[in-house]
N, C-alpha and C. Protein backbone atom coordinates (compact mmCIF):
# COMPACT_ATOMS: atom_id res chain seq x y z
N MET A 1 -123.20 -41.17 -31.63
CA MET A 1 -123.81 -40.98 -30.79
C MET A 1 -123.31 -41.23 -29.56
N GLU A 2 -121.81 -41.87 -29.56
CA GLU A 2 -120.95 -41.61 -28.40
C GLU A 2 -120.14 -40.66 -28.12
N ASP A 3 -119.99 -40.03 -29.22
CA ASP A 3 -119.27 -38.89 -29.19
C ASP A 3 -120.07 -37.70 -28.41
N VAL A 4 -121.69 -37.33 -28.39
CA VAL A 4 -122.43 -37.05 -27.62
C VAL A 4 -122.69 -37.66 -26.14
N LEU A 5 -122.84 -38.99 -26.11
CA LEU A 5 -122.63 -39.10 -24.67
C LEU A 5 -121.76 -38.81 -23.77
N ASP A 6 -120.64 -38.81 -24.71
CA ASP A 6 -119.42 -38.49 -24.05
C ASP A 6 -119.30 -37.32 -23.72
N VAL A 7 -119.75 -36.28 -24.11
CA VAL A 7 -119.91 -35.05 -23.59
C VAL A 7 -121.00 -34.78 -22.67
N TYR A 8 -121.67 -35.02 -22.52
CA TYR A 8 -122.80 -35.59 -21.16
C TYR A 8 -122.34 -36.45 -19.86
N ARG A 9 -120.87 -36.98 -20.12
CA ARG A 9 -120.46 -37.65 -19.08
C ARG A 9 -119.66 -36.35 -18.31
N ARG A 10 -119.23 -35.48 -19.17
CA ARG A 10 -118.22 -34.46 -18.24
C ARG A 10 -119.22 -33.50 -17.33
N PRO A 11 -118.40 -33.20 -16.11
CA PRO A 11 -119.12 -32.24 -14.88
C PRO A 11 -119.34 -31.21 -15.52
N TYR A 12 -119.93 -30.56 -14.98
CA TYR A 12 -120.29 -28.91 -14.92
C TYR A 12 -118.83 -28.34 -14.91
N ASP A 13 -118.84 -27.31 -15.80
CA ASP A 13 -117.73 -26.16 -15.69
C ASP A 13 -118.16 -25.14 -16.45
N ALA A 14 -118.48 -24.00 -15.36
CA ALA A 14 -118.64 -22.70 -16.31
C ALA A 14 -117.79 -21.86 -17.06
N ARG A 15 -116.82 -22.49 -17.44
CA ARG A 15 -116.01 -22.27 -18.57
C ARG A 15 -116.28 -22.67 -19.89
N ARG A 16 -116.70 -23.82 -19.48
CA ARG A 16 -117.35 -24.23 -20.83
C ARG A 16 -118.19 -25.46 -20.79
N PRO A 17 -119.51 -24.63 -20.54
CA PRO A 17 -121.28 -24.66 -20.46
C PRO A 17 -121.01 -26.00 -21.70
N GLN A 18 -121.80 -26.80 -21.00
CA GLN A 18 -122.77 -27.51 -22.34
C GLN A 18 -124.06 -27.18 -22.44
N VAL A 19 -124.38 -26.75 -23.74
CA VAL A 19 -125.45 -26.42 -24.35
C VAL A 19 -125.95 -27.27 -25.45
N CYS A 20 -127.15 -27.36 -25.16
CA CYS A 20 -127.94 -28.14 -26.24
C CYS A 20 -129.35 -27.38 -26.84
N LEU A 21 -129.23 -27.43 -28.11
CA LEU A 21 -130.01 -26.26 -29.29
C LEU A 21 -130.79 -26.81 -29.92
N ASP A 22 -132.09 -26.60 -29.93
CA ASP A 22 -132.93 -27.59 -30.84
C ASP A 22 -134.30 -26.51 -31.62
N GLU A 23 -135.01 -26.77 -32.00
CA GLU A 23 -136.56 -25.71 -32.28
C GLU A 23 -137.22 -26.74 -32.89
N THR A 24 -138.23 -26.25 -32.70
CA THR A 24 -139.36 -26.59 -33.27
C THR A 24 -140.83 -25.49 -33.65
N SER A 25 -141.58 -25.59 -34.44
CA SER A 25 -142.93 -24.42 -34.83
C SER A 25 -144.20 -24.88 -34.12
N LYS A 26 -144.55 -23.53 -34.25
CA LYS A 26 -145.78 -23.46 -33.47
C LYS A 26 -146.87 -22.87 -34.53
N GLN A 27 -148.06 -23.44 -34.93
CA GLN A 27 -148.76 -23.18 -35.54
C GLN A 27 -150.19 -21.89 -34.91
N LEU A 28 -149.96 -20.87 -35.56
CA LEU A 28 -150.73 -19.72 -34.74
C LEU A 28 -152.05 -19.97 -34.97
N ILE A 29 -152.96 -19.72 -34.19
CA ILE A 29 -154.52 -20.37 -34.14
C ILE A 29 -155.77 -19.41 -33.98
N GLY A 30 -156.38 -18.65 -34.58
CA GLY A 30 -157.43 -17.57 -33.82
C GLY A 30 -158.56 -18.27 -33.62
N GLU A 31 -159.68 -17.98 -33.17
CA GLU A 31 -160.73 -18.18 -32.48
C GLU A 31 -161.54 -17.37 -33.54
N THR A 32 -162.52 -18.37 -34.47
CA THR A 32 -163.76 -17.38 -34.86
C THR A 32 -164.66 -17.05 -34.04
N ARG A 33 -165.42 -17.81 -32.88
CA ARG A 33 -166.13 -17.06 -32.44
C ARG A 33 -165.58 -17.19 -30.58
N THR A 34 -166.16 -16.03 -29.88
CA THR A 34 -165.35 -15.98 -28.40
C THR A 34 -165.98 -17.21 -27.48
N PRO A 35 -164.80 -17.76 -26.77
CA PRO A 35 -164.87 -18.96 -25.94
C PRO A 35 -166.17 -18.59 -24.72
N ILE A 36 -166.21 -19.42 -24.56
CA ILE A 36 -167.37 -19.88 -23.38
C ILE A 36 -166.07 -19.56 -22.18
N PRO A 37 -166.30 -19.26 -21.36
CA PRO A 37 -165.06 -19.20 -20.28
C PRO A 37 -165.79 -20.30 -19.32
N VAL A 38 -164.60 -20.44 -18.44
CA VAL A 38 -164.97 -22.16 -17.18
C VAL A 38 -165.75 -21.34 -16.29
N ALA A 39 -166.89 -22.26 -15.87
CA ALA A 39 -167.70 -21.37 -15.06
C ALA A 39 -168.35 -22.65 -13.68
N CYS A 40 -168.73 -22.35 -12.50
CA CYS A 40 -168.66 -23.43 -11.29
C CYS A 40 -169.37 -24.86 -12.28
N GLY A 41 -168.87 -25.97 -11.85
CA GLY A 41 -169.63 -27.16 -12.80
C GLY A 41 -169.18 -27.49 -14.31
N ARG A 42 -168.85 -26.39 -14.82
CA ARG A 42 -168.55 -26.45 -16.28
C ARG A 42 -167.30 -26.32 -16.89
N GLU A 43 -167.21 -27.05 -18.06
CA GLU A 43 -165.81 -26.53 -18.65
C GLU A 43 -165.57 -25.35 -19.14
N ALA A 44 -164.46 -24.89 -19.59
CA ALA A 44 -164.16 -23.75 -20.34
C ALA A 44 -164.70 -24.35 -22.06
N ARG A 45 -165.38 -23.68 -22.84
CA ARG A 45 -166.11 -24.12 -24.56
C ARG A 45 -165.30 -23.26 -25.59
N TYR A 46 -164.74 -24.13 -26.42
CA TYR A 46 -164.07 -23.10 -27.89
C TYR A 46 -164.86 -23.96 -28.64
N ASP A 47 -164.78 -23.26 -29.75
CA ASP A 47 -165.49 -23.58 -31.14
C ASP A 47 -164.68 -24.50 -31.65
N HIS A 48 -165.19 -25.26 -32.69
CA HIS A 48 -164.22 -26.57 -33.32
C HIS A 48 -163.81 -25.62 -34.45
N GLU A 49 -164.12 -24.96 -34.89
CA GLU A 49 -163.83 -24.01 -36.05
C GLU A 49 -162.45 -22.59 -35.78
N TYR A 50 -161.65 -22.74 -36.43
CA TYR A 50 -160.58 -21.67 -36.16
C TYR A 50 -160.13 -20.92 -37.68
N LYS A 51 -159.57 -20.21 -36.83
CA LYS A 51 -158.80 -19.28 -38.34
C LYS A 51 -157.10 -20.02 -38.03
N ARG A 52 -156.42 -19.90 -39.37
CA ARG A 52 -155.12 -20.10 -39.40
C ARG A 52 -154.47 -18.58 -39.38
N ASN A 53 -153.11 -18.68 -38.68
CA ASN A 53 -152.74 -17.08 -38.77
C ASN A 53 -151.37 -17.42 -38.59
N GLY A 54 -150.85 -18.45 -39.68
CA GLY A 54 -149.33 -18.49 -39.72
C GLY A 54 -148.48 -19.48 -38.75
N VAL A 55 -147.66 -19.00 -39.19
CA VAL A 55 -146.50 -20.42 -37.95
C VAL A 55 -145.15 -19.68 -37.39
N ALA A 56 -144.80 -19.71 -36.76
CA ALA A 56 -143.70 -19.29 -35.40
C ALA A 56 -142.66 -20.32 -35.41
N ASN A 57 -141.74 -19.77 -35.36
CA ASN A 57 -140.42 -20.74 -35.00
C ASN A 57 -139.98 -20.77 -33.30
N LEU A 58 -139.68 -21.29 -32.90
CA LEU A 58 -139.22 -21.54 -31.59
C LEU A 58 -137.51 -22.01 -31.58
N PHE A 59 -136.92 -21.40 -31.06
CA PHE A 59 -135.34 -21.44 -30.68
C PHE A 59 -135.14 -22.13 -29.10
N MET A 60 -134.71 -23.32 -28.73
CA MET A 60 -134.66 -23.49 -27.60
C MET A 60 -133.32 -23.70 -27.15
N ILE A 61 -132.72 -22.83 -26.88
CA ILE A 61 -131.01 -23.18 -25.82
C ILE A 61 -130.71 -23.52 -24.65
N PHE A 62 -130.98 -24.72 -23.96
CA PHE A 62 -131.04 -25.38 -22.53
C PHE A 62 -129.75 -26.06 -22.35
N GLU A 63 -129.24 -25.30 -21.22
CA GLU A 63 -127.88 -25.78 -20.13
C GLU A 63 -128.59 -27.01 -19.27
N PRO A 64 -128.35 -27.99 -19.45
CA PRO A 64 -129.22 -29.05 -18.46
C PRO A 64 -128.39 -29.67 -17.31
N LEU A 65 -126.93 -28.91 -17.23
CA LEU A 65 -126.28 -29.28 -15.69
C LEU A 65 -126.66 -27.88 -14.84
N ALA A 66 -126.57 -26.95 -15.76
CA ALA A 66 -127.08 -25.84 -15.07
C ALA A 66 -128.88 -25.56 -14.47
N GLY A 67 -129.57 -26.27 -15.36
CA GLY A 67 -130.88 -25.93 -14.80
C GLY A 67 -131.55 -24.20 -15.91
N ARG A 68 -131.11 -24.26 -16.93
CA ARG A 68 -131.02 -22.94 -17.53
C ARG A 68 -131.53 -23.16 -18.76
N ARG A 69 -132.31 -22.43 -19.24
CA ARG A 69 -132.91 -22.20 -20.44
C ARG A 69 -133.42 -20.99 -21.38
N ARG A 70 -133.31 -20.51 -22.40
CA ARG A 70 -134.13 -19.33 -22.84
C ARG A 70 -134.54 -19.71 -24.64
N VAL A 71 -135.69 -19.50 -24.34
CA VAL A 71 -136.64 -19.27 -25.81
C VAL A 71 -136.61 -18.42 -26.79
N LYS A 72 -136.05 -18.70 -27.89
CA LYS A 72 -136.54 -17.48 -28.87
C LYS A 72 -137.02 -17.61 -29.89
N VAL A 73 -138.31 -17.06 -30.14
CA VAL A 73 -139.63 -17.12 -30.82
C VAL A 73 -138.66 -15.91 -32.35
N THR A 74 -138.93 -16.47 -33.22
CA THR A 74 -138.90 -16.07 -34.95
C THR A 74 -139.87 -16.34 -35.61
N GLU A 75 -139.64 -15.63 -36.78
CA GLU A 75 -140.72 -15.66 -37.80
C GLU A 75 -140.53 -16.36 -38.28
N ARG A 76 -139.29 -17.18 -38.76
CA ARG A 76 -139.41 -18.06 -39.65
C ARG A 76 -137.68 -18.41 -39.25
N ARG A 77 -137.21 -19.68 -39.87
CA ARG A 77 -136.15 -20.67 -39.27
C ARG A 77 -135.17 -20.71 -40.29
N THR A 78 -135.11 -19.98 -40.53
CA THR A 78 -133.47 -19.66 -42.38
C THR A 78 -132.26 -19.74 -41.01
N LYS A 79 -131.12 -19.28 -41.97
CA LYS A 79 -129.30 -19.57 -41.66
C LYS A 79 -129.32 -18.59 -40.84
N LYS A 80 -129.91 -17.30 -41.36
CA LYS A 80 -129.54 -15.90 -40.53
C LYS A 80 -130.37 -16.40 -39.04
N ASP A 81 -131.55 -16.99 -38.95
CA ASP A 81 -132.42 -16.80 -37.77
C ASP A 81 -131.13 -17.87 -36.67
N TRP A 82 -130.88 -19.04 -37.34
CA TRP A 82 -129.71 -19.85 -36.49
C TRP A 82 -128.60 -19.04 -36.39
N ALA A 83 -128.09 -18.29 -36.88
CA ALA A 83 -126.83 -17.68 -36.63
C ALA A 83 -127.28 -16.08 -35.43
N GLU A 84 -128.18 -15.93 -35.54
CA GLU A 84 -128.25 -14.64 -34.75
C GLU A 84 -129.13 -15.45 -33.31
N CYS A 85 -129.41 -16.26 -33.54
CA CYS A 85 -129.30 -17.35 -32.19
C CYS A 85 -128.36 -17.22 -31.55
N VAL A 86 -127.27 -18.11 -32.40
CA VAL A 86 -126.42 -18.48 -31.65
C VAL A 86 -125.22 -16.83 -31.63
N ARG A 87 -125.88 -16.06 -31.64
CA ARG A 87 -124.27 -15.08 -31.56
C ARG A 87 -125.40 -14.63 -30.26
N GLU A 88 -126.21 -14.19 -30.26
CA GLU A 88 -126.99 -13.70 -28.75
C GLU A 88 -126.76 -14.92 -27.88
N MET A 89 -126.71 -16.35 -27.65
CA MET A 89 -126.50 -17.29 -26.84
C MET A 89 -125.05 -16.62 -26.38
N VAL A 90 -124.09 -16.72 -27.75
CA VAL A 90 -122.38 -16.55 -27.30
C VAL A 90 -122.27 -15.28 -26.32
N ASP A 91 -122.87 -14.13 -27.09
CA ASP A 91 -122.51 -12.61 -26.69
C ASP A 91 -123.41 -12.48 -25.16
N GLU A 92 -124.30 -13.10 -25.27
CA GLU A 92 -125.44 -12.56 -23.93
C GLU A 92 -125.42 -13.43 -22.41
N MET A 93 -125.67 -14.93 -23.09
CA MET A 93 -126.19 -15.83 -22.16
C MET A 93 -124.74 -16.15 -21.70
N TYR A 94 -123.46 -16.72 -22.61
CA TYR A 94 -121.95 -17.21 -21.85
C TYR A 94 -120.94 -16.28 -22.52
N PRO A 95 -120.90 -14.87 -21.97
CA PRO A 95 -119.84 -13.79 -22.71
C PRO A 95 -118.81 -14.41 -22.28
N ASP A 96 -118.55 -14.98 -20.73
CA ASP A 96 -117.06 -15.45 -20.39
C ASP A 96 -116.81 -16.44 -20.58
N ALA A 97 -117.61 -17.37 -21.10
CA ALA A 97 -117.18 -18.64 -20.92
C ALA A 97 -115.93 -19.01 -22.19
N GLU A 98 -115.01 -19.95 -21.76
CA GLU A 98 -113.99 -20.09 -22.94
C GLU A 98 -114.56 -20.63 -24.10
N ARG A 99 -115.38 -21.45 -24.03
CA ARG A 99 -115.78 -22.00 -25.43
C ARG A 99 -117.43 -23.08 -24.33
N ILE A 100 -117.94 -22.92 -25.93
CA ILE A 100 -119.52 -23.27 -25.41
C ILE A 100 -119.64 -24.49 -25.86
N VAL A 101 -119.90 -25.49 -25.38
CA VAL A 101 -119.66 -27.25 -26.16
C VAL A 101 -121.09 -27.09 -26.01
N LEU A 102 -121.76 -27.11 -27.45
CA LEU A 102 -122.71 -27.22 -28.00
C LEU A 102 -123.03 -28.83 -29.11
N VAL A 103 -124.39 -28.91 -28.41
CA VAL A 103 -125.11 -30.34 -29.21
C VAL A 103 -126.36 -29.80 -29.57
N MET A 104 -126.32 -30.22 -31.12
CA MET A 104 -127.58 -29.94 -31.66
C MET A 104 -127.46 -30.91 -32.63
N ASP A 105 -129.13 -31.02 -33.38
CA ASP A 105 -128.86 -31.71 -34.38
C ASP A 105 -128.06 -31.71 -35.72
N ASN A 106 -128.48 -32.36 -36.97
CA ASN A 106 -127.49 -31.87 -37.91
C ASN A 106 -127.98 -31.50 -39.22
N LEU A 107 -129.12 -30.59 -38.75
CA LEU A 107 -129.91 -29.68 -39.82
C LEU A 107 -128.80 -28.80 -40.61
N ASN A 108 -129.51 -29.03 -42.07
CA ASN A 108 -128.83 -28.44 -42.51
C ASN A 108 -128.47 -27.01 -42.43
N THR A 109 -129.29 -26.25 -41.61
CA THR A 109 -129.17 -24.51 -41.09
C THR A 109 -128.00 -24.64 -40.08
N HIS A 110 -127.31 -25.76 -39.49
CA HIS A 110 -126.97 -25.92 -38.12
C HIS A 110 -125.13 -26.18 -38.47
N THR A 111 -124.88 -25.06 -38.90
CA THR A 111 -123.15 -24.85 -39.34
C THR A 111 -122.57 -24.00 -39.45
N PRO A 112 -121.38 -23.85 -39.25
CA PRO A 112 -120.80 -23.04 -39.08
C PRO A 112 -120.96 -21.68 -40.19
N ALA A 113 -120.99 -22.00 -41.38
CA ALA A 113 -121.60 -21.55 -42.47
C ALA A 113 -122.29 -20.99 -42.59
N SER A 114 -123.37 -21.03 -42.17
CA SER A 114 -124.29 -20.06 -41.44
C SER A 114 -124.23 -18.55 -41.31
N LEU A 115 -122.98 -19.00 -40.18
CA LEU A 115 -122.49 -17.51 -39.44
C LEU A 115 -122.05 -16.67 -40.69
N TYR A 116 -121.56 -17.43 -41.36
CA TYR A 116 -120.92 -16.49 -42.52
C TYR A 116 -121.98 -16.13 -43.62
N ASP A 117 -123.12 -16.40 -43.60
CA ASP A 117 -124.21 -16.18 -44.42
C ASP A 117 -124.91 -14.83 -43.59
N ALA A 118 -124.56 -15.25 -42.36
CA ALA A 118 -125.18 -13.90 -41.45
C ALA A 118 -124.29 -12.92 -41.12
N PHE A 119 -123.47 -13.20 -41.38
CA PHE A 119 -121.94 -11.53 -40.65
C PHE A 119 -121.25 -11.72 -41.24
N PRO A 120 -120.21 -10.30 -41.21
CA PRO A 120 -119.65 -10.39 -42.38
C PRO A 120 -118.07 -11.52 -41.24
N PRO A 121 -117.16 -11.83 -42.31
CA PRO A 121 -116.25 -12.82 -41.95
C PRO A 121 -115.75 -12.81 -40.85
N ASN A 122 -115.09 -11.69 -40.36
CA ASN A 122 -114.42 -11.77 -39.09
C ASN A 122 -115.45 -11.61 -37.79
N GLU A 123 -116.60 -11.49 -37.71
CA GLU A 123 -117.71 -11.50 -36.88
C GLU A 123 -117.97 -12.93 -37.02
N ALA A 124 -118.26 -13.78 -38.27
CA ALA A 124 -118.46 -14.97 -38.01
C ALA A 124 -117.40 -16.06 -37.82
N LYS A 125 -116.42 -15.77 -37.88
CA LYS A 125 -115.17 -16.47 -37.33
C LYS A 125 -114.79 -16.12 -35.59
N ARG A 126 -114.90 -14.69 -35.15
CA ARG A 126 -114.91 -14.96 -33.83
C ARG A 126 -116.39 -15.71 -33.09
N ILE A 127 -117.19 -15.72 -33.81
CA ILE A 127 -118.57 -16.15 -32.73
C ILE A 127 -118.55 -18.71 -32.81
N ALA A 128 -117.53 -18.47 -34.48
CA ALA A 128 -117.62 -19.75 -34.49
C ALA A 128 -116.23 -20.01 -33.74
N ASP A 129 -115.33 -19.62 -33.09
CA ASP A 129 -114.10 -19.99 -32.68
C ASP A 129 -114.88 -19.76 -31.08
N ARG A 130 -115.94 -19.99 -30.51
CA ARG A 130 -116.06 -19.53 -29.10
C ARG A 130 -116.68 -21.27 -28.98
N LEU A 131 -117.17 -21.62 -30.00
CA LEU A 131 -118.22 -22.75 -30.27
C LEU A 131 -117.33 -24.26 -30.38
N GLU A 132 -118.05 -25.50 -29.45
CA GLU A 132 -116.86 -26.55 -30.15
C GLU A 132 -118.60 -27.51 -30.49
N ILE A 133 -118.44 -27.80 -31.37
CA ILE A 133 -120.01 -28.34 -31.90
C ILE A 133 -119.93 -30.17 -31.75
N HIS A 134 -120.92 -30.58 -31.25
CA HIS A 134 -121.01 -32.04 -31.04
C HIS A 134 -122.17 -32.22 -31.68
N TYR A 135 -122.38 -32.78 -32.97
CA TYR A 135 -124.08 -33.29 -33.85
C TYR A 135 -124.23 -34.75 -33.35
N THR A 136 -125.45 -34.68 -33.27
CA THR A 136 -126.10 -36.06 -32.85
C THR A 136 -126.43 -36.76 -34.22
N PRO A 137 -126.66 -37.95 -34.54
CA PRO A 137 -126.81 -38.80 -35.50
C PRO A 137 -127.77 -38.61 -36.09
N LYS A 138 -127.89 -39.01 -37.38
CA LYS A 138 -129.13 -38.98 -38.27
C LYS A 138 -130.28 -40.15 -37.64
N HIS A 139 -131.08 -39.37 -37.53
CA HIS A 139 -132.34 -39.89 -36.84
C HIS A 139 -132.08 -40.36 -35.42
N GLY A 140 -131.13 -39.73 -34.74
CA GLY A 140 -130.75 -39.39 -33.58
C GLY A 140 -131.06 -38.17 -32.72
N SER A 141 -131.97 -37.64 -33.05
CA SER A 141 -132.07 -35.98 -32.26
C SER A 141 -132.53 -36.17 -31.31
N TRP A 142 -133.15 -37.58 -30.87
CA TRP A 142 -133.43 -38.14 -29.17
C TRP A 142 -132.03 -37.81 -27.99
N LEU A 143 -131.15 -37.46 -29.07
CA LEU A 143 -129.87 -37.58 -28.07
C LEU A 143 -129.72 -36.08 -27.55
N ASP A 144 -130.35 -35.24 -28.24
CA ASP A 144 -130.49 -33.64 -28.43
C ASP A 144 -131.11 -33.34 -26.62
N MET A 145 -130.71 -33.11 -25.95
CA MET A 145 -131.72 -32.73 -24.58
C MET A 145 -132.63 -31.47 -24.71
N ALA A 146 -132.04 -31.09 -25.66
CA ALA A 146 -133.36 -29.48 -26.16
C ALA A 146 -134.51 -29.71 -26.91
N GLU A 147 -134.26 -31.17 -26.89
CA GLU A 147 -135.74 -31.62 -28.12
C GLU A 147 -136.92 -32.00 -26.84
N ILE A 148 -135.96 -32.68 -26.26
CA ILE A 148 -136.84 -33.12 -24.48
C ILE A 148 -137.61 -31.80 -23.89
N GLU A 149 -136.51 -30.41 -23.72
CA GLU A 149 -137.04 -29.51 -22.93
C GLU A 149 -138.51 -28.71 -23.68
N LEU A 150 -138.24 -29.03 -25.63
CA LEU A 150 -139.16 -28.13 -26.19
C LEU A 150 -140.94 -29.11 -26.05
N GLY A 151 -140.56 -30.47 -25.58
CA GLY A 151 -141.59 -31.81 -25.40
C GLY A 151 -141.92 -30.69 -24.23
N ILE A 152 -141.06 -30.71 -23.35
CA ILE A 152 -142.07 -30.25 -21.88
C ILE A 152 -142.85 -29.13 -22.25
N LEU A 153 -142.03 -28.35 -22.77
CA LEU A 153 -142.74 -26.63 -23.06
C LEU A 153 -144.10 -26.58 -23.78
N GLY A 154 -143.81 -27.62 -24.83
CA GLY A 154 -145.31 -28.10 -25.34
C GLY A 154 -146.15 -28.36 -24.79
N ARG A 155 -146.17 -29.24 -23.76
CA ARG A 155 -147.22 -30.09 -22.93
C ARG A 155 -147.59 -28.89 -21.84
N GLN A 156 -146.98 -27.88 -21.45
CA GLN A 156 -146.84 -27.22 -19.96
C GLN A 156 -147.39 -25.42 -20.55
N CYS A 157 -146.63 -25.48 -22.06
CA CYS A 157 -147.35 -23.74 -22.32
C CYS A 157 -147.95 -23.83 -23.66
N LEU A 158 -147.77 -24.98 -24.92
CA LEU A 158 -147.97 -24.72 -25.92
C LEU A 158 -149.57 -25.51 -26.29
N ALA A 159 -149.77 -26.29 -25.64
CA ALA A 159 -150.96 -27.13 -25.79
C ALA A 159 -152.25 -26.55 -26.11
N ARG A 160 -152.61 -25.61 -26.47
CA ARG A 160 -153.30 -24.88 -26.73
C ARG A 160 -153.80 -23.79 -27.99
N ARG A 161 -154.47 -23.02 -28.35
CA ARG A 161 -154.58 -22.16 -29.00
C ARG A 161 -153.93 -20.75 -28.73
N ILE A 162 -152.77 -20.21 -29.73
CA ILE A 162 -152.22 -19.28 -29.26
C ILE A 162 -152.45 -18.32 -30.61
N ASP A 163 -152.93 -17.35 -30.32
CA ASP A 163 -153.22 -16.14 -31.63
C ASP A 163 -152.40 -15.63 -32.55
N ASN A 164 -150.91 -15.36 -32.01
CA ASN A 164 -150.24 -14.60 -32.76
C ASN A 164 -148.84 -14.60 -32.18
N ARG A 165 -148.25 -13.92 -32.76
CA ARG A 165 -146.61 -14.00 -32.41
C ARG A 165 -146.38 -13.31 -30.77
N ASN A 166 -146.79 -12.37 -30.97
CA ASN A 166 -146.78 -11.34 -29.49
C ASN A 166 -146.94 -12.41 -28.02
N GLU A 167 -148.58 -12.87 -28.80
CA GLU A 167 -148.73 -13.52 -27.21
C GLU A 167 -148.52 -14.75 -27.26
N LEU A 168 -147.48 -15.27 -28.25
CA LEU A 168 -146.21 -16.44 -28.00
C LEU A 168 -145.37 -16.32 -27.02
N THR A 169 -145.15 -15.25 -27.53
CA THR A 169 -143.21 -14.80 -26.93
C THR A 169 -143.69 -14.29 -25.70
N ARG A 170 -144.90 -13.47 -25.30
CA ARG A 170 -145.12 -13.24 -23.60
C ARG A 170 -145.51 -14.64 -23.02
N GLU A 171 -146.14 -15.29 -23.40
CA GLU A 171 -146.35 -17.02 -22.92
C GLU A 171 -145.01 -17.66 -22.60
N VAL A 172 -144.10 -17.83 -23.87
CA VAL A 172 -143.07 -18.68 -23.59
C VAL A 172 -142.17 -18.08 -22.20
N ALA A 173 -142.23 -16.71 -22.63
CA ALA A 173 -141.40 -15.98 -21.31
C ALA A 173 -141.94 -15.97 -19.95
N ALA A 174 -142.93 -16.26 -19.64
CA ALA A 174 -143.33 -16.49 -18.42
C ALA A 174 -142.96 -17.49 -17.94
N TRP A 175 -143.21 -18.69 -19.07
CA TRP A 175 -143.13 -20.66 -18.90
C TRP A 175 -141.58 -20.41 -18.50
N GLU A 176 -140.54 -19.83 -19.57
CA GLU A 176 -139.16 -19.83 -19.26
C GLU A 176 -139.26 -19.17 -17.89
N THR A 177 -139.36 -18.05 -17.23
CA THR A 177 -139.17 -17.61 -16.19
C THR A 177 -139.54 -18.50 -15.03
N LYS A 178 -140.27 -19.11 -15.45
CA LYS A 178 -140.99 -20.09 -14.30
C LYS A 178 -139.94 -21.05 -14.16
N ARG A 179 -139.43 -21.47 -14.90
CA ARG A 179 -138.72 -22.95 -15.55
C ARG A 179 -137.73 -22.61 -14.85
N ASN A 180 -136.96 -21.43 -14.94
CA ASN A 180 -135.70 -21.10 -14.78
C ASN A 180 -135.37 -21.00 -13.17
N ALA A 181 -136.63 -20.45 -12.82
CA ALA A 181 -136.78 -20.10 -10.89
C ALA A 181 -136.47 -21.71 -10.29
N ALA A 182 -137.09 -22.27 -11.03
CA ALA A 182 -137.30 -23.38 -10.16
C ALA A 182 -135.99 -24.24 -10.27
N ASN A 183 -135.11 -23.95 -11.30
CA ASN A 183 -133.93 -24.51 -11.39
C ASN A 183 -133.78 -25.95 -11.86
N ALA A 184 -134.90 -26.13 -12.96
CA ALA A 184 -135.47 -27.48 -13.34
C ALA A 184 -133.95 -28.37 -14.50
N LYS A 185 -133.36 -28.90 -13.82
CA LYS A 185 -132.14 -29.65 -14.54
C LYS A 185 -132.59 -30.90 -15.16
N ALA A 186 -131.43 -31.44 -16.11
CA ALA A 186 -132.24 -32.56 -16.48
C ALA A 186 -130.88 -34.07 -15.92
N ASN A 187 -131.59 -34.58 -15.69
CA ASN A 187 -130.67 -36.09 -15.40
C ASN A 187 -130.72 -36.94 -16.22
N TRP A 188 -129.85 -36.96 -16.87
CA TRP A 188 -129.44 -37.77 -18.24
C TRP A 188 -128.85 -38.78 -17.68
N ARG A 189 -129.58 -39.99 -17.94
CA ARG A 189 -129.17 -41.28 -17.24
C ARG A 189 -128.70 -42.88 -18.68
N PHE A 190 -129.00 -42.09 -20.11
CA PHE A 190 -128.27 -43.04 -20.85
C PHE A 190 -127.12 -43.20 -20.78
N THR A 191 -126.43 -44.07 -20.81
CA THR A 191 -124.81 -43.87 -21.09
C THR A 191 -124.44 -44.89 -22.13
N MET A 192 -122.96 -44.66 -22.21
CA MET A 192 -122.48 -45.53 -23.36
C MET A 192 -122.66 -46.74 -23.42
N ASP A 193 -122.38 -47.04 -22.09
CA ASP A 193 -122.66 -48.73 -21.51
C ASP A 193 -124.18 -49.29 -22.51
N ASP A 194 -125.02 -48.23 -22.31
CA ASP A 194 -126.49 -48.44 -22.41
C ASP A 194 -126.52 -48.84 -23.50
N ALA A 195 -126.21 -47.45 -24.87
CA ALA A 195 -126.23 -47.61 -25.88
C ALA A 195 -125.75 -49.15 -26.79
N ARG A 196 -124.90 -49.65 -25.73
CA ARG A 196 -123.78 -51.09 -26.90
C ARG A 196 -124.47 -52.10 -26.05
N ILE A 197 -125.61 -51.93 -25.34
CA ILE A 197 -126.44 -53.22 -25.47
C ILE A 197 -127.82 -52.80 -25.75
N ARG A 198 -128.47 -51.86 -25.68
CA ARG A 198 -129.60 -51.85 -25.85
C ARG A 198 -129.59 -51.87 -27.41
N LEU A 199 -128.47 -50.84 -28.30
CA LEU A 199 -128.32 -50.52 -29.68
C LEU A 199 -127.62 -51.58 -30.32
N ARG A 200 -127.17 -52.40 -29.82
CA ARG A 200 -125.83 -53.31 -30.39
C ARG A 200 -126.18 -53.54 -31.66
N ARG A 201 -127.57 -53.42 -32.15
CA ARG A 201 -127.28 -53.79 -33.58
C ARG A 201 -126.95 -53.09 -33.96
N LEU A 202 -127.12 -51.80 -33.91
CA LEU A 202 -126.02 -50.82 -34.56
C LEU A 202 -124.84 -50.16 -34.93
N TYR A 203 -124.40 -51.38 -34.11
CA TYR A 203 -122.72 -51.63 -34.21
C TYR A 203 -121.96 -52.66 -35.15
N PRO A 204 -120.84 -52.38 -35.55
CA PRO A 204 -120.33 -53.63 -36.72
C PRO A 204 -120.27 -54.86 -36.21
N SER A 205 -120.55 -55.77 -36.66
CA SER A 205 -120.02 -56.93 -36.24
C SER A 205 -118.84 -57.86 -36.54
N ILE A 206 -118.02 -57.50 -35.78
CA ILE A 206 -116.56 -57.87 -36.10
C ILE A 206 -116.13 -59.34 -35.72
N GLU A 207 -115.80 -60.38 -36.64
CA GLU A 207 -115.38 -61.86 -36.67
C GLU A 207 -114.13 -62.02 -36.84
N ASP A 208 -113.11 -62.89 -35.85
CA ASP A 208 -111.93 -63.25 -35.64
C ASP A 208 -111.55 -63.90 -36.98
């Protein structure tokens, strides 16, 4: 926990951008009957019945100090999906960075080994060498600011029925463009001193 909080104390540096990565799923829901649109004095109406059209995965890449994010919609969340997401981050989002300071939770797919499952060894090492990885502790994924940004995405964009992955991709892209244009940054206030006071039960008790 303190390692991640120490990262969040660093000032902005374009050569070493601080990036948070997280993922979530979205169930794709279709309508069984055509909804009745909103009208004067009447809210929109949707039938309580629906049909399931599978699940899509969303990767959130969020740079809190720059107010920049990218959301990648995938069919699954395998090691190779994660590896491809990281490759795009390295080569497309931050091609000029010396090293990307990456904060993420310790899900079993979130390791450099996943790069070697997805790419030839030379390519996997090239990507891994561009990363400085910091993991949130077990049960501490709330320390990953990408998780907070996913919560905002859920409230502002995903809190409704979306029928298919193409529609989901379009809606998420529109949200991403609007939020990036607003330069929405994160104002992280939970410090190491706060942790040592509010979470003191997690620290060992040392007696002389």
